[in-house]
Amino acid sequence: MAISEAPGALTSATNGQLNASLHYLVLSPQQWVLEQIFVRPEQPVSLAVDLIKRFTSLAQAAQVTVKVLDPYAKRYFAQHPAPDLLAAHQLPVSGPHAVQPVDLNYHTEEE
């Protein structure tokens, strides 16, 4: 599957249906933030790896450092270190200082 590139996003689609996407923010000419990776449940996880590898190539070509917010991408970079790419002071993936999921409490008018 081909990866399409747009400012701030990489996507993979088949017949117009989105299979996977990676979103990133350009904070400055020197720093990007890998914000989120989405892979449709019926798609192989390897799509996420393909998107991360393409993102890594783009970031290295732009000579930027990257902060990673997406938990899957954090795990990927923990297993595939990229010290020249990753910015210092990344949030940890696990442990007491890791970012925890937010508990969303939706209220209805009936409450």
N, C-alpha and C. Protein backbone atom coordinates (compact mmCIF):
# COMPACT_ATOMS: atom_id res chain seq x y z
N MET A 1 0.83 -1.17 0.00
CA MET A 1 0.00 0.00 0.00
C MET A 1 0.87 1.24 0.00
N ALA A 2 0.47 2.20 -0.77
CA ALA A 2 1.23 3.44 -0.89
C ALA A 2 0.89 4.37 0.27
N ILE A 3 1.87 5.16 0.66
CA ILE A 3 1.68 6.15 1.71
C ILE A 3 1.59 7.51 1.05
N SER A 4 0.52 8.23 1.35
CA SER A 4 0.32 9.59 0.84
C SER A 4 0.81 10.59 1.88
N GLU A 5 1.40 11.66 1.39
CA GLU A 5 1.94 12.68 2.29
C GLU A 5 1.20 13.99 2.09
N ALA A 6 0.86 14.61 3.19
CA ALA A 6 0.26 15.95 3.21
C ALA A 6 0.90 16.67 4.39
N PRO A 7 0.85 18.00 4.41
CA PRO A 7 1.43 18.69 5.57
C PRO A 7 0.82 18.19 6.88
N GLY A 8 1.66 17.67 7.75
CA GLY A 8 1.21 17.21 9.06
C GLY A 8 0.59 15.83 9.09
N ALA A 9 0.58 15.12 7.96
CA ALA A 9 -0.07 13.81 7.96
C ALA A 9 0.53 12.88 6.92
N LEU A 10 0.55 11.60 7.28
CA LEU A 10 0.86 10.52 6.37
C LEU A 10 -0.33 9.58 6.42
N THR A 11 -0.80 9.12 5.27
CA THR A 11 -1.96 8.24 5.26
C THR A 11 -1.75 7.07 4.31
N SER A 12 -2.48 5.99 4.60
CA SER A 12 -2.51 4.83 3.73
C SER A 12 -3.99 4.51 3.50
N ALA A 13 -4.38 4.42 2.24
CA ALA A 13 -5.78 4.16 1.91
C ALA A 13 -5.86 3.17 0.76
N THR A 14 -6.98 2.47 0.70
CA THR A 14 -7.27 1.54 -0.38
C THR A 14 -8.66 1.87 -0.92
N ASN A 15 -8.73 2.14 -2.21
CA ASN A 15 -10.01 2.48 -2.84
C ASN A 15 -10.75 3.58 -2.08
N GLY A 16 -10.02 4.59 -1.66
CA GLY A 16 -10.62 5.72 -0.98
C GLY A 16 -10.92 5.51 0.49
N GLN A 17 -10.68 4.32 1.03
CA GLN A 17 -10.94 4.06 2.44
C GLN A 17 -9.64 4.16 3.23
N LEU A 18 -9.65 4.99 4.26
CA LEU A 18 -8.47 5.18 5.10
C LEU A 18 -8.16 3.90 5.87
N ASN A 19 -6.94 3.43 5.76
CA ASN A 19 -6.48 2.24 6.49
C ASN A 19 -5.66 2.61 7.71
N ALA A 20 -4.84 3.66 7.57
CA ALA A 20 -3.96 4.08 8.65
C ALA A 20 -3.53 5.52 8.42
N SER A 21 -3.21 6.20 9.53
CA SER A 21 -2.71 7.56 9.41
C SER A 21 -1.76 7.88 10.55
N LEU A 22 -0.87 8.81 10.29
CA LEU A 22 0.06 9.34 11.28
C LEU A 22 -0.05 10.85 11.19
N HIS A 23 -0.26 11.49 12.33
CA HIS A 23 -0.38 12.95 12.37
C HIS A 23 0.76 13.53 13.18
N TYR A 24 1.31 14.63 12.66
CA TYR A 24 2.39 15.30 13.37
C TYR A 24 2.24 16.80 13.25
N LEU A 25 2.82 17.50 14.22
CA LEU A 25 2.79 18.96 14.25
C LEU A 25 4.19 19.49 13.98
N VAL A 26 4.26 20.56 13.22
CA VAL A 26 5.53 21.24 13.00
C VAL A 26 5.58 22.40 13.99
N LEU A 27 6.33 22.22 15.07
CA LEU A 27 6.42 23.27 16.08
C LEU A 27 7.31 24.42 15.63
N SER A 28 8.36 24.07 14.92
CA SER A 28 9.31 25.07 14.43
C SER A 28 10.11 24.42 13.31
N PRO A 29 10.95 25.17 12.62
CA PRO A 29 11.79 24.55 11.60
C PRO A 29 12.76 23.51 12.16
N GLN A 30 12.93 23.48 13.50
CA GLN A 30 13.85 22.55 14.12
C GLN A 30 13.16 21.41 14.88
N GLN A 31 11.84 21.51 15.11
CA GLN A 31 11.21 20.49 15.95
C GLN A 31 9.79 20.14 15.49
N TRP A 32 9.53 18.83 15.45
CA TRP A 32 8.21 18.28 15.13
C TRP A 32 7.72 17.46 16.31
N VAL A 33 6.40 17.23 16.35
CA VAL A 33 5.79 16.38 17.36
C VAL A 33 5.01 15.28 16.65
N LEU A 34 5.36 14.03 16.90
CA LEU A 34 4.60 12.90 16.37
C LEU A 34 3.43 12.73 17.33
N GLU A 35 2.26 13.14 16.86
CA GLU A 35 1.10 13.25 17.74
C GLU A 35 0.30 11.95 17.87
N GLN A 36 -0.07 11.35 16.74
CA GLN A 36 -0.99 10.22 16.81
C GLN A 36 -0.85 9.30 15.61
N ILE A 37 -0.99 8.00 15.88
CA ILE A 37 -1.03 6.99 14.82
C ILE A 37 -2.37 6.27 14.96
N PHE A 38 -3.02 6.08 13.83
CA PHE A 38 -4.28 5.34 13.80
C PHE A 38 -4.16 4.22 12.76
N VAL A 39 -4.54 3.00 13.14
CA VAL A 39 -4.59 1.88 12.20
C VAL A 39 -5.95 1.22 12.40
N ARG A 40 -6.69 1.09 11.31
CA ARG A 40 -7.99 0.42 11.37
C ARG A 40 -7.81 -0.98 11.94
N PRO A 41 -8.69 -1.44 12.84
CA PRO A 41 -8.50 -2.73 13.51
C PRO A 41 -8.29 -3.92 12.57
N GLU A 42 -8.91 -3.91 11.41
CA GLU A 42 -8.77 -5.06 10.51
C GLU A 42 -7.48 -5.00 9.67
N GLN A 43 -6.71 -3.94 9.83
CA GLN A 43 -5.46 -3.79 9.07
C GLN A 43 -4.28 -4.33 9.88
N PRO A 44 -3.21 -4.74 9.20
CA PRO A 44 -2.04 -5.26 9.92
C PRO A 44 -1.30 -4.13 10.66
N VAL A 45 -0.74 -4.46 11.81
CA VAL A 45 0.02 -3.50 12.61
C VAL A 45 1.23 -2.98 11.83
N SER A 46 1.68 -3.76 10.87
CA SER A 46 2.84 -3.34 10.08
C SER A 46 2.61 -2.01 9.38
N LEU A 47 1.35 -1.62 9.17
CA LEU A 47 1.06 -0.30 8.58
C LEU A 47 1.58 0.81 9.48
N ALA A 48 1.44 0.65 10.79
CA ALA A 48 1.95 1.66 11.72
C ALA A 48 3.46 1.76 11.60
N VAL A 49 4.13 0.64 11.50
CA VAL A 49 5.58 0.63 11.36
C VAL A 49 5.98 1.32 10.05
N ASP A 50 5.27 1.04 8.97
CA ASP A 50 5.57 1.68 7.68
C ASP A 50 5.43 3.20 7.79
N LEU A 51 4.38 3.66 8.47
CA LEU A 51 4.17 5.10 8.64
C LEU A 51 5.27 5.71 9.49
N ILE A 52 5.67 5.04 10.57
CA ILE A 52 6.74 5.55 11.43
C ILE A 52 8.06 5.62 10.65
N LYS A 53 8.35 4.61 9.87
CA LYS A 53 9.60 4.63 9.09
C LYS A 53 9.59 5.77 8.08
N ARG A 54 8.46 6.00 7.42
CA ARG A 54 8.38 7.11 6.45
C ARG A 54 8.50 8.44 7.18
N PHE A 55 7.82 8.58 8.31
CA PHE A 55 7.92 9.80 9.11
C PHE A 55 9.37 10.04 9.52
N THR A 56 10.06 8.99 9.97
CA THR A 56 11.45 9.09 10.38
C THR A 56 12.32 9.59 9.23
N SER A 57 12.08 9.08 8.03
CA SER A 57 12.83 9.53 6.84
C SER A 57 12.59 11.01 6.58
N LEU A 58 11.34 11.44 6.66
CA LEU A 58 11.02 12.86 6.43
C LEU A 58 11.69 13.75 7.48
N ALA A 59 11.62 13.32 8.75
CA ALA A 59 12.21 14.12 9.84
C ALA A 59 13.73 14.21 9.70
N GLN A 60 14.35 13.09 9.34
CA GLN A 60 15.81 13.12 9.16
C GLN A 60 16.19 14.00 7.97
N ALA A 61 15.42 13.95 6.90
CA ALA A 61 15.71 14.80 5.74
C ALA A 61 15.54 16.28 6.09
N ALA A 62 14.58 16.59 6.96
CA ALA A 62 14.35 17.98 7.36
C ALA A 62 15.31 18.41 8.48
N GLN A 63 16.09 17.47 8.99
CA GLN A 63 17.06 17.72 10.07
C GLN A 63 16.40 18.35 11.30
N VAL A 64 15.31 17.72 11.74
CA VAL A 64 14.58 18.19 12.92
C VAL A 64 14.73 17.18 14.04
N THR A 65 14.40 17.61 15.25
CA THR A 65 14.26 16.67 16.37
C THR A 65 12.77 16.47 16.57
N VAL A 66 12.43 15.32 17.16
CA VAL A 66 11.04 14.92 17.27
C VAL A 66 10.69 14.60 18.72
N LYS A 67 9.58 15.13 19.17
CA LYS A 67 8.97 14.72 20.44
C LYS A 67 7.85 13.76 20.08
N VAL A 68 7.73 12.68 20.82
CA VAL A 68 6.76 11.63 20.50
C VAL A 68 5.68 11.59 21.58
N LEU A 69 4.42 11.73 21.17
CA LEU A 69 3.30 11.63 22.09
C LEU A 69 2.58 10.29 21.98
N ASP A 70 2.53 9.71 20.81
CA ASP A 70 1.78 8.48 20.58
C ASP A 70 2.44 7.31 21.31
N PRO A 71 1.67 6.56 22.13
CA PRO A 71 2.27 5.44 22.89
C PRO A 71 2.87 4.35 22.02
N TYR A 72 2.22 4.00 20.91
CA TYR A 72 2.77 2.96 20.04
C TYR A 72 4.12 3.42 19.46
N ALA A 73 4.17 4.68 19.02
CA ALA A 73 5.42 5.20 18.47
C ALA A 73 6.51 5.24 19.54
N LYS A 74 6.16 5.56 20.78
CA LYS A 74 7.14 5.55 21.87
C LYS A 74 7.73 4.15 22.04
N ARG A 75 6.86 3.14 21.99
CA ARG A 75 7.35 1.76 22.12
C ARG A 75 8.25 1.39 20.94
N TYR A 76 7.85 1.83 19.75
CA TYR A 76 8.66 1.55 18.56
C TYR A 76 10.07 2.14 18.73
N PHE A 77 10.14 3.41 19.13
CA PHE A 77 11.45 4.05 19.27
C PHE A 77 12.24 3.49 20.46
N ALA A 78 11.56 2.94 21.46
CA ALA A 78 12.27 2.27 22.56
C ALA A 78 12.99 1.03 22.04
N GLN A 79 12.39 0.36 21.06
CA GLN A 79 12.99 -0.84 20.49
C GLN A 79 13.91 -0.53 19.32
N HIS A 80 13.74 0.63 18.70
CA HIS A 80 14.55 1.06 17.55
C HIS A 80 15.08 2.46 17.84
N PRO A 81 16.08 2.58 18.70
CA PRO A 81 16.56 3.90 19.12
C PRO A 81 16.99 4.77 17.94
N ALA A 82 16.66 6.05 18.07
CA ALA A 82 17.05 7.04 17.06
C ALA A 82 17.53 8.28 17.80
N PRO A 83 18.70 8.20 18.47
CA PRO A 83 19.14 9.31 19.33
C PRO A 83 19.32 10.64 18.62
N ASP A 84 19.68 10.64 17.34
CA ASP A 84 19.85 11.90 16.63
C ASP A 84 18.52 12.51 16.22
N LEU A 85 17.47 11.73 16.26
CA LEU A 85 16.15 12.19 15.84
C LEU A 85 15.30 12.65 17.02
N LEU A 86 15.31 11.90 18.10
CA LEU A 86 14.41 12.17 19.22
C LEU A 86 14.93 13.31 20.09
N ALA A 87 14.03 14.22 20.43
CA ALA A 87 14.37 15.32 21.32
C ALA A 87 14.57 14.79 22.73
N ALA A 88 15.33 15.51 23.51
CA ALA A 88 15.53 15.13 24.91
C ALA A 88 14.23 15.32 25.68
N HIS A 89 14.13 14.69 26.82
CA HIS A 89 13.00 14.86 27.74
C HIS A 89 11.69 14.36 27.16
N GLN A 90 11.70 13.14 26.65
CA GLN A 90 10.46 12.50 26.19
C GLN A 90 9.68 12.03 27.41
N LEU A 91 8.35 12.00 27.33
CA LEU A 91 7.54 11.44 28.39
C LEU A 91 7.67 9.92 28.35
N PRO A 92 7.78 9.26 29.51
CA PRO A 92 7.95 7.80 29.51
C PRO A 92 6.69 7.07 29.07
N VAL A 93 6.89 5.86 28.54
CA VAL A 93 5.80 5.02 28.05
C VAL A 93 5.13 4.28 29.21
N SER A 94 5.92 3.87 30.20
CA SER A 94 5.36 3.11 31.31
C SER A 94 6.00 3.60 32.61
N GLY A 95 5.45 3.12 33.72
CA GLY A 95 5.97 3.50 35.02
C GLY A 95 5.15 4.60 35.65
N PRO A 96 5.54 5.02 36.85
CA PRO A 96 4.73 5.98 37.58
C PRO A 96 4.68 7.37 36.94
N HIS A 97 5.63 7.70 36.09
CA HIS A 97 5.66 9.02 35.48
C HIS A 97 5.10 9.04 34.06
N ALA A 98 4.59 7.90 33.61
CA ALA A 98 4.02 7.82 32.26
C ALA A 98 2.69 8.56 32.21
N VAL A 99 2.38 9.04 31.03
CA VAL A 99 1.09 9.70 30.83
C VAL A 99 0.00 8.64 30.94
N GLN A 100 -1.00 8.92 31.73
CA GLN A 100 -2.10 7.99 31.93
C GLN A 100 -3.29 8.41 31.10
N PRO A 101 -4.13 7.45 30.70
CA PRO A 101 -5.34 7.81 29.95
C PRO A 101 -6.24 8.71 30.78
N VAL A 102 -6.93 9.58 30.09
CA VAL A 102 -7.85 10.49 30.75
C VAL A 102 -9.19 9.79 30.90
N ASP A 103 -9.79 9.89 32.07
CA ASP A 103 -11.11 9.33 32.31
C ASP A 103 -12.13 10.39 31.93
N LEU A 104 -12.82 10.16 30.82
CA LEU A 104 -13.82 11.12 30.36
C LEU A 104 -15.16 10.79 30.99
N ASN A 105 -15.70 11.72 31.69
CA ASN A 105 -17.01 11.54 32.31
C ASN A 105 -18.01 12.42 31.57
N TYR A 106 -18.80 11.79 30.73
CA TYR A 106 -19.81 12.52 30.01
C TYR A 106 -21.08 12.59 30.83
N HIS A 107 -21.67 13.73 30.88
CA HIS A 107 -22.91 13.92 31.62
C HIS A 107 -24.04 14.22 30.66
N THR A 108 -25.16 13.66 30.94
CA THR A 108 -26.35 13.94 30.12
C THR A 108 -27.23 14.93 30.86
N GLU A 109 -28.16 15.51 30.18
CA GLU A 109 -29.05 16.47 30.80
C GLU A 109 -29.93 15.80 31.85
N GLU A 110 -30.09 14.49 31.79
CA GLU A 110 -30.94 13.78 32.73
C GLU A 110 -30.30 13.63 34.09
N GLU A 111 -29.01 13.83 34.21
CA GLU A 111 -28.32 13.64 35.49
C GLU A 111 -28.53 14.81 36.42
